[in-house]
Amino acid sequence: MNVEIVAREGYRDMRNNMTMARVFGAHLGALGRPARETDDRVGAGSTDMGDVSHVVPSIHPYLAIVGENEALCHQHAFAEAAASERGIATALEAAKALARTAVELLVDEPLRASVKAEWSARA
């Protein structure tokens, strides 16, 4: 048996599909949570979602569960916030917006074509 090991450093960059992200943002806004298209305070971090975004159109939205400068990811205060009413409400809002985005993508062929065209242009 032969084993081939291919080393690659880190994760690939996240390629947010802005067509799809704007649809998600509109659904989030309809739920009473206006979305920012960009936020310089949020770093890219490292996530395998970047790898996924090179294979299929993807989004990686961020929704706050703490106030500005209160906590960062991987801190105890952030973990506590995730279990709080605000954290749970935020997760539900995100899930609803994602579900509505998925339904819209399923029923709207021109939207799917736009998402695919944007993704293909970056490939």
PDB file of N, CA and C in Angstrom:
ATOM      1  N   MET A   1       0.841  -1.173   0.000  1.00  0.00           N
ATOM      2  CA  MET A   1       0.000   0.000   0.000  1.00  0.00           C
ATOM      3  C   MET A   1       0.887   1.237   0.000  1.00  0.00           C
ATOM      4  N   ASN A   2       0.591   2.153  -0.863  1.00  0.00           N
ATOM      5  CA  ASN A   2       1.318   3.422  -0.938  1.00  0.00           C
ATOM      6  C   ASN A   2       0.473   4.531  -0.341  1.00  0.00           C
ATOM      7  N   VAL A   3       1.111   5.402   0.365  1.00  0.00           N
ATOM      8  CA  VAL A   3       0.445   6.561   0.946  1.00  0.00           C
ATOM      9  C   VAL A   3       1.127   7.805   0.411  1.00  0.00           C
ATOM     10  N   GLU A   4       0.309   8.729  -0.060  1.00  0.00           N
ATOM     11  CA  GLU A   4       0.853   9.990  -0.543  1.00  0.00           C
ATOM     12  C   GLU A   4       0.397  11.099   0.395  1.00  0.00           C
ATOM     13  N   ILE A   5       1.334  11.864   0.863  1.00  0.00           N
ATOM     14  CA  ILE A   5       1.022  12.982   1.745  1.00  0.00           C
ATOM     15  C   ILE A   5       1.293  14.265   0.982  1.00  0.00           C
ATOM     16  N   VAL A   6       0.277  15.096   0.931  1.00  0.00           N
ATOM     17  CA  VAL A   6       0.406  16.390   0.270  1.00  0.00           C
ATOM     18  C   VAL A   6       0.238  17.462   1.340  1.00  0.00           C
ATOM     19  N   ALA A   7       1.289  18.187   1.585  1.00  0.00           N
ATOM     20  CA  ALA A   7       1.248  19.238   2.613  1.00  0.00           C
ATOM     21  C   ALA A   7       0.810  20.551   1.989  1.00  0.00           C
ATOM     22  N   ARG A   8      -0.056  21.241   2.699  1.00  0.00           N
ATOM     23  CA  ARG A   8      -0.506  22.559   2.268  1.00  0.00           C
ATOM     24  C   ARG A   8      -0.626  23.404   3.516  1.00  0.00           C
ATOM     25  N   GLU A   9      -0.159  24.620   3.459  1.00  0.00           N
ATOM     26  CA  GLU A   9      -0.178  25.479   4.639  1.00  0.00           C
ATOM     27  C   GLU A   9      -1.525  26.173   4.788  1.00  0.00           C
ATOM     28  N   GLY A  10      -2.103  26.065   5.960  1.00  0.00           N
ATOM     29  CA  GLY A  10      -3.294  26.832   6.313  1.00  0.00           C
ATOM     30  C   GLY A  10      -4.516  26.542   5.473  1.00  0.00           C
ATOM     31  N   TYR A  11      -5.512  27.341   5.697  1.00  0.00           N
ATOM     32  CA  TYR A  11      -6.760  27.243   4.956  1.00  0.00           C
ATOM     33  C   TYR A  11      -6.736  28.217   3.792  1.00  0.00           C
ATOM     34  N   ARG A  12      -7.571  27.943   2.793  1.00  0.00           N
ATOM     35  CA  ARG A  12      -7.696  28.864   1.672  1.00  0.00           C
ATOM     36  C   ARG A  12      -8.529  30.065   2.106  1.00  0.00           C
ATOM     37  N   ASP A  13      -8.385  31.179   1.377  1.00  0.00           N
ATOM     38  CA  ASP A  13      -9.117  32.396   1.713  1.00  0.00           C
ATOM     39  C   ASP A  13     -10.614  32.190   1.507  1.00  0.00           C
ATOM     40  N   MET A  14     -11.407  32.932   2.269  1.00  0.00           N
ATOM     41  CA  MET A  14     -12.854  32.872   2.171  1.00  0.00           C
ATOM     42  C   MET A  14     -13.306  33.739   1.018  1.00  0.00           C
ATOM     43  N   ARG A  15     -14.058  33.149   0.105  1.00  0.00           N
ATOM     44  CA  ARG A  15     -14.615  33.881  -1.037  1.00  0.00           C
ATOM     45  C   ARG A  15     -16.119  34.018  -0.838  1.00  0.00           C
ATOM     46  N   ASN A  16     -16.515  35.069  -0.142  1.00  0.00           N
ATOM     47  CA  ASN A  16     -17.937  35.311   0.054  1.00  0.00           C
ATOM     48  C   ASN A  16     -18.605  35.625  -1.274  1.00  0.00           C
ATOM     49  N   ASN A  17     -19.684  34.934  -1.553  1.00  0.00           N
ATOM     50  CA  ASN A  17     -20.465  35.229  -2.743  1.00  0.00           C
ATOM     51  C   ASN A  17     -21.401  36.376  -2.381  1.00  0.00           C
ATOM     52  N   MET A  18     -21.078  37.570  -2.854  1.00  0.00           N
ATOM     53  CA  MET A  18     -21.806  38.764  -2.432  1.00  0.00           C
ATOM     54  C   MET A  18     -23.252  38.769  -2.921  1.00  0.00           C
ATOM     55  N   THR A  19     -23.526  38.123  -4.049  1.00  0.00           N
ATOM     56  CA  THR A  19     -24.917  38.022  -4.509  1.00  0.00           C
ATOM     57  C   THR A  19     -25.736  37.273  -3.466  1.00  0.00           C
ATOM     58  N   MET A  20     -25.226  36.153  -3.030  1.00  0.00           N
ATOM     59  CA  MET A  20     -25.915  35.347  -2.020  1.00  0.00           C
ATOM     60  C   MET A  20     -25.896  36.055  -0.660  1.00  0.00           C
ATOM     61  N   ALA A  21     -24.796  36.705  -0.319  1.00  0.00           N
ATOM     62  CA  ALA A  21     -24.697  37.407   0.961  1.00  0.00           C
ATOM     63  C   ALA A  21     -25.726  38.535   1.049  1.00  0.00           C
ATOM     64  N   ARG A  22     -25.957  39.212  -0.042  1.00  0.00           N
ATOM     65  CA  ARG A  22     -26.944  40.311  -0.031  1.00  0.00           C
ATOM     66  C   ARG A  22     -28.359  39.780   0.142  1.00  0.00           C
ATOM     67  N   VAL A  23     -28.644  38.624  -0.421  1.00  0.00           N
ATOM     68  CA  VAL A  23     -29.961  38.000  -0.215  1.00  0.00           C
ATOM     69  C   VAL A  23     -30.108  37.643   1.265  1.00  0.00           C
ATOM     70  N   PHE A  24     -29.072  37.027   1.838  1.00  0.00           N
ATOM     71  CA  PHE A  24     -29.088  36.711   3.267  1.00  0.00           C
ATOM     72  C   PHE A  24     -29.281  37.990   4.086  1.00  0.00           C
ATOM     73  N   GLY A  25     -28.554  39.046   3.744  1.00  0.00           N
ATOM     74  CA  GLY A  25     -28.657  40.315   4.463  1.00  0.00           C
ATOM     75  C   GLY A  25     -30.053  40.901   4.399  1.00  0.00           C
ATOM     76  N   ALA A  26     -30.691  40.776   3.243  1.00  0.00           N
ATOM     77  CA  ALA A  26     -32.064  41.280   3.110  1.00  0.00           C
ATOM     78  C   ALA A  26     -33.013  40.489   4.011  1.00  0.00           C
ATOM     79  N   HIS A  27     -32.839  39.183   4.065  1.00  0.00           N
ATOM     80  CA  HIS A  27     -33.688  38.367   4.943  1.00  0.00           C
ATOM     81  C   HIS A  27     -33.405  38.668   6.413  1.00  0.00           C
ATOM     82  N   LEU A  28     -32.162  38.895   6.742  1.00  0.00           N
ATOM     83  CA  LEU A  28     -31.813  39.254   8.109  1.00  0.00           C
ATOM     84  C   LEU A  28     -32.440  40.599   8.472  1.00  0.00           C
ATOM     85  N   GLY A  29     -32.375  41.558   7.555  1.00  0.00           N
ATOM     86  CA  GLY A  29     -32.989  42.862   7.767  1.00  0.00           C
ATOM     87  C   GLY A  29     -34.491  42.760   7.967  1.00  0.00           C
ATOM     88  N   ALA A  30     -35.133  41.877   7.200  1.00  0.00           N
ATOM     89  CA  ALA A  30     -36.579  41.680   7.347  1.00  0.00           C
ATOM     90  C   ALA A  30     -36.931  41.106   8.720  1.00  0.00           C
ATOM     91  N   LEU A  31     -35.963  40.462   9.350  1.00  0.00           N
ATOM     92  CA  LEU A  31     -36.169  39.944  10.703  1.00  0.00           C
ATOM     93  C   LEU A  31     -35.830  40.986  11.771  1.00  0.00           C
ATOM     94  N   GLY A  32     -35.539  42.215  11.326  1.00  0.00           N
ATOM     95  CA  GLY A  32     -35.260  43.301  12.264  1.00  0.00           C
ATOM     96  C   GLY A  32     -33.804  43.447  12.644  1.00  0.00           C
ATOM     97  N   ARG A  33     -32.929  42.809  11.896  1.00  0.00           N
ATOM     98  CA  ARG A  33     -31.497  42.875  12.208  1.00  0.00           C
ATOM     99  C   ARG A  33     -30.745  43.328  10.961  1.00  0.00           C
ATOM    100  N   PRO A  34     -30.592  44.639  10.781  1.00  0.00           N
ATOM    101  CA  PRO A  34     -29.903  45.137   9.586  1.00  0.00           C
ATOM    102  C   PRO A  34     -28.487  44.569   9.486  1.00  0.00           C
ATOM    103  N   ALA A  35     -28.098  44.202   8.282  1.00  0.00           N
ATOM    104  CA  ALA A  35     -26.789  43.590   8.063  1.00  0.00           C
ATOM    105  C   ALA A  35     -25.810  44.595   7.482  1.00  0.00           C
ATOM    106  N   ARG A  36     -24.578  44.509   7.932  1.00  0.00           N
ATOM    107  CA  ARG A  36     -23.497  45.284   7.331  1.00  0.00           C
ATOM    108  C   ARG A  36     -22.899  44.443   6.218  1.00  0.00           C
ATOM    109  N   GLU A  37     -22.553  45.097   5.134  1.00  0.00           N
ATOM    110  CA  GLU A  37     -21.917  44.346   4.050  1.00  0.00           C
ATOM    111  C   GLU A  37     -20.449  44.093   4.353  1.00  0.00           C
ATOM    112  N   THR A  38     -19.816  45.005   5.031  1.00  0.00           N
ATOM    113  CA  THR A  38     -18.429  44.823   5.436  1.00  0.00           C
ATOM    114  C   THR A  38     -18.277  45.350   6.856  1.00  0.00           C
ATOM    115  N   ASP A  39     -17.244  44.880   7.525  1.00  0.00           N
ATOM    116  CA  ASP A  39     -16.946  45.349   8.864  1.00  0.00           C
ATOM    117  C   ASP A  39     -15.448  45.161   9.080  1.00  0.00           C
ATOM    118  N   ASP A  40     -14.717  46.255   9.072  1.00  0.00           N
ATOM    119  CA  ASP A  40     -13.262  46.197   9.196  1.00  0.00           C
ATOM    120  C   ASP A  40     -12.802  45.656  10.550  1.00  0.00           C
ATOM    121  N   ARG A  41     -13.704  45.607  11.525  1.00  0.00           N
ATOM    122  CA  ARG A  41     -13.332  45.102  12.847  1.00  0.00           C
ATOM    123  C   ARG A  41     -13.271  43.583  12.882  1.00  0.00           C
ATOM    124  N   VAL A  42     -13.862  42.935  11.893  1.00  0.00           N
ATOM    125  CA  VAL A  42     -13.902  41.478  11.863  1.00  0.00           C
ATOM    126  C   VAL A  42     -12.776  40.975  10.975  1.00  0.00           C
ATOM    127  N   GLY A  43     -11.899  40.166  11.542  1.00  0.00           N
ATOM    128  CA  GLY A  43     -10.790  39.617  10.773  1.00  0.00           C
ATOM    129  C   GLY A  43     -11.216  38.400   9.976  1.00  0.00           C
ATOM    130  N   ALA A  44     -10.328  37.940   9.140  1.00  0.00           N
ATOM    131  CA  ALA A  44     -10.622  36.771   8.309  1.00  0.00           C
ATOM    132  C   ALA A  44     -10.553  35.488   9.118  1.00  0.00           C
ATOM    133  N   GLY A  45      -9.724  35.467  10.141  1.00  0.00           N
ATOM    134  CA  GLY A  45      -9.574  34.259  10.934  1.00  0.00           C
ATOM    135  C   GLY A  45      -9.084  33.108  10.071  1.00  0.00           C
ATOM    136  N   SER A  46      -9.286  31.907  10.539  1.00  0.00           N
ATOM    137  CA  SER A  46      -8.957  30.740   9.730  1.00  0.00           C
ATOM    138  C   SER A  46     -10.104  29.756   9.867  1.00  0.00           C
ATOM    139  N   THR A  47     -10.602  29.314   8.754  1.00  0.00           N
ATOM    140  CA  THR A  47     -11.730  28.403   8.771  1.00  0.00           C
ATOM    141  C   THR A  47     -11.702  27.531   7.533  1.00  0.00           C
ATOM    142  N   ASP A  48     -12.154  26.307   7.687  1.00  0.00           N
ATOM    143  CA  ASP A  48     -12.240  25.443   6.520  1.00  0.00           C
ATOM    144  C   ASP A  48     -13.370  25.876   5.588  1.00  0.00           C
ATOM    145  N   MET A  49     -14.192  26.824   6.024  1.00  0.00           N
ATOM    146  CA  MET A  49     -15.230  27.372   5.140  1.00  0.00           C
ATOM    147  C   MET A  49     -14.587  28.047   3.937  1.00  0.00           C
ATOM    148  N   GLY A  50     -13.386  28.587   4.096  1.00  0.00           N
ATOM    149  CA  GLY A  50     -12.668  29.157   2.960  1.00  0.00           C
ATOM    150  C   GLY A  50     -12.418  28.101   1.906  1.00  0.00           C
ATOM    151  N   ASP A  51     -12.019  26.908   2.333  1.00  0.00           N
ATOM    152  CA  ASP A  51     -11.807  25.809   1.384  1.00  0.00           C
ATOM    153  C   ASP A  51     -13.105  25.483   0.648  1.00  0.00           C
ATOM    154  N   VAL A  52     -14.208  25.430   1.386  1.00  0.00           N
ATOM    155  CA  VAL A  52     -15.509  25.130   0.786  1.00  0.00           C
ATOM    156  C   VAL A  52     -15.866  26.182  -0.265  1.00  0.00           C
ATOM    157  N   SER A  53     -15.579  27.457   0.039  1.00  0.00           N
ATOM    158  CA  SER A  53     -15.966  28.547  -0.862  1.00  0.00           C
ATOM    159  C   SER A  53     -15.221  28.514  -2.196  1.00  0.00           C
ATOM    160  N   HIS A  54     -14.181  27.701  -2.292  1.00  0.00           N
ATOM    161  CA  HIS A  54     -13.474  27.534  -3.563  1.00  0.00           C
ATOM    162  C   HIS A  54     -14.102  26.424  -4.396  1.00  0.00           C
ATOM    163  N   VAL A  55     -15.047  25.688  -3.795  1.00  0.00           N
ATOM    164  CA  VAL A  55     -15.687  24.567  -4.481  1.00  0.00           C
ATOM    165  C   VAL A  55     -17.131  24.891  -4.863  1.00  0.00           C
ATOM    166  N   VAL A  56     -17.829  25.624  -4.003  1.00  0.00           N
ATOM    167  CA  VAL A  56     -19.226  26.008  -4.249  1.00  0.00           C
ATOM    168  C   VAL A  56     -19.434  27.440  -3.757  1.00  0.00           C
ATOM    169  N   PRO A  57     -20.394  28.159  -4.330  1.00  0.00           N
ATOM    170  CA  PRO A  57     -20.698  29.508  -3.831  1.00  0.00           C
ATOM    171  C   PRO A  57     -21.055  29.443  -2.348  1.00  0.00           C
ATOM    172  N   SER A  58     -20.490  30.350  -1.565  1.00  0.00           N
ATOM    173  CA  SER A  58     -20.627  30.286  -0.110  1.00  0.00           C
ATOM    174  C   SER A  58     -20.718  31.680   0.495  1.00  0.00           C
ATOM    175  N   ILE A  59     -21.255  31.722   1.709  1.00  0.00           N
ATOM    176  CA  ILE A  59     -21.225  32.939   2.506  1.00  0.00           C
ATOM    177  C   ILE A  59     -20.753  32.560   3.908  1.00  0.00           C
ATOM    178  N   HIS A  60     -20.257  33.547   4.617  1.00  0.00           N
ATOM    179  CA  HIS A  60     -19.807  33.326   5.995  1.00  0.00           C
ATOM    180  C   HIS A  60     -20.186  34.558   6.808  1.00  0.00           C
ATOM    181  N   PRO A  61     -21.478  34.695   7.127  1.00  0.00           N
ATOM    182  CA  PRO A  61     -21.912  35.877   7.866  1.00  0.00           C
ATOM    183  C   PRO A  61     -21.463  35.848   9.324  1.00  0.00           C
ATOM    184  N   TYR A  62     -21.280  37.023   9.874  1.00  0.00           N
ATOM    185  CA  TYR A  62     -20.970  37.197  11.291  1.00  0.00           C
ATOM    186  C   TYR A  62     -22.118  37.962  11.924  1.00  0.00           C
ATOM    187  N   LEU A  63     -22.634  37.480  13.042  1.00  0.00           N
ATOM    188  CA  LEU A  63     -23.674  38.178  13.784  1.00  0.00           C
ATOM    189  C   LEU A  63     -23.204  38.335  15.223  1.00  0.00           C
ATOM    190  N   ALA A  64     -23.272  39.541  15.734  1.00  0.00           N
ATOM    191  CA  ALA A  64     -22.769  39.829  17.079  1.00  0.00           C
ATOM    192  C   ALA A  64     -23.670  39.219  18.149  1.00  0.00           C
ATOM    193  N   ILE A  65     -23.022  38.655  19.166  1.00  0.00           N
ATOM    194  CA  ILE A  65     -23.753  38.176  20.347  1.00  0.00           C
ATOM    195  C   ILE A  65     -23.270  38.885  21.605  1.00  0.00           C
ATOM    196  N   VAL A  66     -22.316  39.798  21.434  1.00  0.00           N
ATOM    197  CA  VAL A  66     -21.819  40.633  22.527  1.00  0.00           C
ATOM    198  C   VAL A  66     -21.699  42.057  22.001  1.00  0.00           C
ATOM    199  N   GLY A  67     -21.648  43.005  22.918  1.00  0.00           N
ATOM    200  CA  GLY A  67     -21.432  44.387  22.524  1.00  0.00           C
ATOM    201  C   GLY A  67     -20.003  44.597  22.040  1.00  0.00           C
ATOM    202  N   GLU A  68     -19.801  45.669  21.343  1.00  0.00           N
ATOM    203  CA  GLU A  68     -18.476  45.990  20.813  1.00  0.00           C
ATOM    204  C   GLU A  68     -17.442  46.057  21.942  1.00  0.00           C
ATOM    205  N   ASN A  69     -16.317  45.392  21.745  1.00  0.00           N
ATOM    206  CA  ASN A  69     -15.195  45.335  22.684  1.00  0.00           C
ATOM    207  C   ASN A  69     -15.502  44.594  23.987  1.00  0.00           C
ATOM    208  N   GLU A  70     -16.580  43.823  24.055  1.00  0.00           N
ATOM    209  CA  GLU A  70     -16.901  43.070  25.275  1.00  0.00           C
ATOM    210  C   GLU A  70     -16.159  41.741  25.342  1.00  0.00           C
ATOM    211  N   ALA A  71     -16.030  41.069  24.225  1.00  0.00           N
ATOM    212  CA  ALA A  71     -15.373  39.756  24.219  1.00  0.00           C
ATOM    213  C   ALA A  71     -15.011  39.386  22.792  1.00  0.00           C
ATOM    214  N   LEU A  72     -14.033  38.506  22.695  1.00  0.00           N
ATOM    215  CA  LEU A  72     -13.624  37.955  21.408  1.00  0.00           C
ATOM    216  C   LEU A  72     -13.908  36.460  21.411  1.00  0.00           C
ATOM    217  N   CYS A  73     -14.002  35.924  20.235  1.00  0.00           N
ATOM    218  CA  CYS A  73     -14.175  34.480  20.092  1.00  0.00           C
ATOM    219  C   CYS A  73     -13.112  33.753  20.914  1.00  0.00           C
ATOM    220  N   HIS A  74     -13.434  32.605  21.465  1.00  0.00           N
ATOM    221  CA  HIS A  74     -12.523  31.760  22.242  1.00  0.00           C
ATOM    222  C   HIS A  74     -12.251  32.307  23.646  1.00  0.00           C
ATOM    223  N   GLN A  75     -13.030  33.289  24.101  1.00  0.00           N
ATOM    224  CA  GLN A  75     -12.909  33.766  25.468  1.00  0.00           C
ATOM    225  C   GLN A  75     -14.101  33.261  26.279  1.00  0.00           C
ATOM    226  N   HIS A  76     -13.921  33.136  27.582  1.00  0.00           N
ATOM    227  CA  HIS A  76     -15.002  32.641  28.441  1.00  0.00           C
ATOM    228  C   HIS A  76     -16.249  33.526  28.343  1.00  0.00           C
ATOM    229  N   ALA A  77     -16.060  34.848  28.282  1.00  0.00           N
ATOM    230  CA  ALA A  77     -17.206  35.767  28.183  1.00  0.00           C
ATOM    231  C   ALA A  77     -17.993  35.529  26.904  1.00  0.00           C
ATOM    232  N   PHE A  78     -17.304  35.172  25.839  1.00  0.00           N
ATOM    233  CA  PHE A  78     -17.980  34.880  24.576  1.00  0.00           C
ATOM    234  C   PHE A  78     -18.780  33.581  24.710  1.00  0.00           C
ATOM    235  N   ALA A  79     -18.203  32.574  25.336  1.00  0.00           N
ATOM    236  CA  ALA A  79     -18.912  31.308  25.545  1.00  0.00           C
ATOM    237  C   ALA A  79     -20.174  31.535  26.386  1.00  0.00           C
ATOM    238  N   GLU A  80     -20.065  32.363  27.401  1.00  0.00           N
ATOM    239  CA  GLU A  80     -21.231  32.684  28.225  1.00  0.00           C
ATOM    240  C   GLU A  80     -22.289  33.409  27.408  1.00  0.00           C
ATOM    241  N   ALA A  81     -21.850  34.322  26.551  1.00  0.00           N
ATOM    242  CA  ALA A  81     -22.793  35.055  25.705  1.00  0.00           C
ATOM    243  C   ALA A  81     -23.501  34.119  24.730  1.00  0.00           C
ATOM    244  N   ALA A  82     -22.801  33.105  24.243  1.00  0.00           N
ATOM    245  CA  ALA A  82     -23.413  32.159  23.312  1.00  0.00           C
ATOM    246  C   ALA A  82     -24.577  31.415  23.955  1.00  0.00           C
ATOM    247  N   ALA A  83     -24.491  31.190  25.264  1.00  0.00           N
ATOM    248  CA  ALA A  83     -25.556  30.480  25.974  1.00  0.00           C
ATOM    249  C   ALA A  83     -26.630  31.429  26.511  1.00  0.00           C
ATOM    250  N   SER A  84     -26.439  32.732  26.321  1.00  0.00           N
ATOM    251  CA  SER A  84     -27.390  33.721  26.840  1.00  0.00           C
ATOM    252  C   SER A  84     -28.613  33.833  25.932  1.00  0.00           C
ATOM    253  N   GLU A  85     -29.613  34.547  26.428  1.00  0.00           N
ATOM    254  CA  GLU A  85     -30.811  34.791  25.603  1.00  0.00           C
ATOM    255  C   GLU A  85     -30.431  35.476  24.295  1.00  0.00           C
ATOM    256  N   ARG A  86     -29.534  36.455  24.367  1.00  0.00           N
ATOM    257  CA  ARG A  86     -29.105  37.166  23.158  1.00  0.00           C
ATOM    258  C   ARG A  86     -28.407  36.211  22.191  1.00  0.00           C
ATOM    259  N   GLY A  87     -27.551  35.360  22.710  1.00  0.00           N
ATOM    260  CA  GLY A  87     -26.848  34.410  21.864  1.00  0.00           C
ATOM    261  C   GLY A  87     -27.799  33.448  21.170  1.00  0.00           C
ATOM    262  N   ILE A  88     -28.752  32.937  21.917  1.00  0.00           N
ATOM    263  CA  ILE A  88     -29.727  31.991  21.358  1.00  0.00           C
ATOM    264  C   ILE A  88     -30.631  32.693  20.352  1.00  0.00           C
ATOM    265  N   ALA A  89     -31.071  33.901  20.670  1.00  0.00           N
ATOM    266  CA  ALA A  89     -31.912  34.661  19.739  1.00  0.00           C
ATOM    267  C   ALA A  89     -31.160  34.950  18.441  1.00  0.00           C
ATOM    268  N   THR A  90     -29.885  35.272  18.557  1.00  0.00           N
ATOM    269  CA  THR A  90     -29.058  35.544  17.378  1.00  0.00           C
ATOM    270  C   THR A  90     -28.928  34.300  16.520  1.00  0.00           C
ATOM    271  N   ALA A  91     -28.704  33.148  17.148  1.00  0.00           N
ATOM    272  CA  ALA A  91     -28.597  31.892  16.400  1.00  0.00           C
ATOM    273  C   ALA A  91     -29.897  31.593  15.654  1.00  0.00           C
ATOM    274  N   LEU A  92     -31.029  31.848  16.294  1.00  0.00           N
ATOM    275  CA  LEU A  92     -32.324  31.609  15.643  1.00  0.00           C
ATOM    276  C   LEU A  92     -32.548  32.576  14.479  1.00  0.00           C
ATOM    277  N   GLU A  93     -32.172  33.846  14.656  1.00  0.00           N
ATOM    278  CA  GLU A  93     -32.304  34.811  13.560  1.00  0.00           C
ATOM    279  C   GLU A  93     -31.428  34.400  12.377  1.00  0.00           C
ATOM    280  N   ALA A  94     -30.214  33.976  12.667  1.00  0.00           N
ATOM    281  CA  ALA A  94     -29.310  33.536  11.602  1.00  0.00           C
ATOM    282  C   ALA A  94     -29.885  32.324  10.882  1.00  0.00           C
ATOM    283  N   ALA A  95     -30.414  31.362  11.639  1.00  0.00           N
ATOM    284  CA  ALA A  95     -30.984  30.153  11.039  1.00  0.00           C
ATOM    285  C   ALA A  95     -32.180  30.498  10.153  1.00  0.00           C
ATOM    286  N   LYS A  96     -33.033  31.406  10.623  1.00  0.00           N
ATOM    287  CA  LYS A  96     -34.192  31.811   9.826  1.00  0.00           C
ATOM    288  C   LYS A  96     -33.751  32.500   8.532  1.00  0.00           C
ATOM    289  N   ALA A  97     -32.777  33.409   8.639  1.00  0.00           N
ATOM    290  CA  ALA A  97     -32.296  34.109   7.446  1.00  0.00           C
ATOM    291  C   ALA A  97     -31.638  33.136   6.467  1.00  0.00           C
ATOM    292  N   LEU A  98     -30.876  32.170   6.981  1.00  0.00           N
ATOM    293  CA  LEU A  98     -30.261  31.164   6.113  1.00  0.00           C
ATOM    294  C   LEU A  98     -31.319  30.305   5.434  1.00  0.00           C
ATOM    295  N   ALA A  99     -32.339  29.890   6.179  1.00  0.00           N
ATOM    296  CA  ALA A  99     -33.407  29.071   5.603  1.00  0.00           C
ATOM    297  C   ALA A  99     -34.157  29.843   4.517  1.00  0.00           C
ATOM    298  N   ARG A 100     -34.455  31.104   4.774  1.00  0.00           N
ATOM    299  CA  ARG A 100     -35.151  31.921   3.773  1.00  0.00           C
ATOM    300  C   ARG A 100     -34.279  32.137   2.537  1.00  0.00           C
ATOM    301  N   THR A 101     -32.984  32.271   2.757  1.00  0.00           N
ATOM    302  CA  THR A 101     -32.048  32.414   1.632  1.00  0.00           C
ATOM    303  C   THR A 101     -32.042  31.137   0.803  1.00  0.00           C
ATOM    304  N   ALA A 102     -32.010  29.992   1.461  1.00  0.00           N
ATOM    305  CA  ALA A 102     -32.017  28.713   0.754  1.00  0.00           C
ATOM    306  C   ALA A 102     -33.286  28.546  -0.066  1.00  0.00           C
ATOM    307  N   VAL A 103     -34.433  28.881   0.512  1.00  0.00           N
ATOM    308  CA  VAL A 103     -35.697  28.769  -0.215  1.00  0.00           C
ATOM    309  C   VAL A 103     -35.684  29.681  -1.438  1.00  0.00           C
ATOM    310  N   GLU A 104     -35.215  30.898  -1.252  1.00  0.00           N
ATOM    311  CA  GLU A 104     -35.163  31.827  -2.382  1.00  0.00           C
ATOM    312  C   GLU A 104     -34.258  31.296  -3.494  1.00  0.00           C
ATOM    313  N   LEU A 105     -33.128  30.741  -3.120  1.00  0.00           N
ATOM    314  CA  LEU A 105     -32.224  30.166  -4.124  1.00  0.00           C
ATOM    315  C   LEU A 105     -32.865  28.988  -4.841  1.00  0.00           C
ATOM    316  N   LEU A 106     -33.647  28.198  -4.138  1.00  0.00           N
ATOM    317  CA  LEU A 106     -34.302  27.045  -4.755  1.00  0.00           C
ATOM    318  C   LEU A 106     -35.369  27.440  -5.764  1.00  0.00           C
ATOM    319  N   VAL A 107     -36.074  28.524  -5.508  1.00  0.00           N
ATOM    320  CA  VAL A 107     -37.204  28.883  -6.377  1.00  0.00           C
ATOM    321  C   VAL A 107     -36.883  29.953  -7.415  1.00  0.00           C
ATOM    322  N   ASP A 108     -35.742  30.600  -7.312  1.00  0.00           N
ATOM    323  CA  ASP A 108     -35.413  31.734  -8.189  1.00  0.00           C
ATOM    324  C   ASP A 108     -34.239  31.388  -9.113  1.00  0.00           C
ATOM    325  N   GLU A 109     -34.563  30.896 -10.306  1.00  0.00           N
ATOM    326  CA  GLU A 109     -33.524  30.501 -11.261  1.00  0.00           C
ATOM    327  C   GLU A 109     -32.597  31.658 -11.646  1.00  0.00           C
ATOM    328  N   PRO A 110     -33.119  32.870 -11.930  1.00  0.00           N
ATOM    329  CA  PRO A 110     -32.202  33.978 -12.246  1.00  0.00           C
ATOM    330  C   PRO A 110     -31.239  34.295 -11.094  1.00  0.00           C
ATOM    331  N   LEU A 111     -31.705  34.167  -9.857  1.00  0.00           N
ATOM    332  CA  LEU A 111     -30.819  34.388  -8.713  1.00  0.00           C
ATOM    333  C   LEU A 111     -29.717  33.332  -8.691  1.00  0.00           C
ATOM    334  N   ARG A 112     -30.089  32.072  -8.885  1.00  0.00           N
ATOM    335  CA  ARG A 112     -29.071  31.011  -8.921  1.00  0.00           C
ATOM    336  C   ARG A 112     -28.054  31.265 -10.026  1.00  0.00           C
ATOM    337  N   ALA A 113     -28.531  31.727 -11.168  1.00  0.00           N
ATOM    338  CA  ALA A 113     -27.625  32.028 -12.283  1.00  0.00           C
ATOM    339  C   ALA A 113     -26.669  33.158 -11.908  1.00  0.00           C
ATOM    340  N   SER A 114     -27.164  34.172 -11.209  1.00  0.00           N
ATOM    341  CA  SER A 114     -26.313  35.286 -10.779  1.00  0.00           C
ATOM    342  C   SER A 114     -25.265  34.827  -9.765  1.00  0.00           C
ATOM    343  N   VAL A 115     -25.675  33.986  -8.825  1.00  0.00           N
ATOM    344  CA  VAL A 115     -24.751  33.445  -7.829  1.00  0.00           C
ATOM    345  C   VAL A 115     -23.658  32.640  -8.531  1.00  0.00           C
ATOM    346  N   LYS A 116     -24.078  31.797  -9.457  1.00  0.00           N
ATOM    347  CA  LYS A 116     -23.119  30.962 -10.179  1.00  0.00           C
ATOM    348  C   LYS A 116     -22.178  31.806 -11.034  1.00  0.00           C
ATOM    349  N   ALA A 117     -22.704  32.829 -11.693  1.00  0.00           N
ATOM    350  CA  ALA A 117     -21.873  33.695 -12.542  1.00  0.00           C
ATOM    351  C   ALA A 117     -20.820  34.417 -11.702  1.00  0.00           C
ATOM    352  N   GLU A 118     -21.214  34.926 -10.534  1.00  0.00           N
ATOM    353  CA  GLU A 118     -20.231  35.595  -9.672  1.00  0.00           C
ATOM    354  C   GLU A 118     -19.155  34.616  -9.235  1.00  0.00           C
ATOM    355  N   TRP A 119     -19.575  33.420  -8.812  1.00  0.00           N
ATOM    356  CA  TRP A 119     -18.617  32.421  -8.345  1.00  0.00           C
ATOM    357  C   TRP A 119     -17.679  31.982  -9.475  1.00  0.00           C
ATOM    358  N   SER A 120     -18.223  31.750 -10.654  1.00  0.00           N
ATOM    359  CA  SER A 120     -17.409  31.318 -11.799  1.00  0.00           C
ATOM    360  C   SER A 120     -16.402  32.394 -12.220  1.00  0.00           C
ATOM    361  N   ALA A 121     -16.778  33.647 -12.083  1.00  0.00           N
ATOM    362  CA  ALA A 121     -15.874  34.738 -12.469  1.00  0.00           C
ATOM    363  C   ALA A 121     -14.643  34.790 -11.567  1.00  0.00           C
ATOM    364  N   ARG A 122     -14.747  34.283 -10.348  1.00  0.00           N
ATOM    365  CA  ARG A 122     -13.623  34.305  -9.405  1.00  0.00           C
ATOM    366  C   ARG A 122     -12.787  33.045  -9.465  1.00  0.00           C
ATOM    367  N   ALA A 123     -13.306  32.007 -10.100  1.00  0.00           N
ATOM    368  CA  ALA A 123     -12.609  30.706 -10.107  1.00  0.00           C
ATOM    369  C   ALA A 123     -11.335  30.768 -10.931  1.00  0.00           C
TER     370      ALA A 123
END
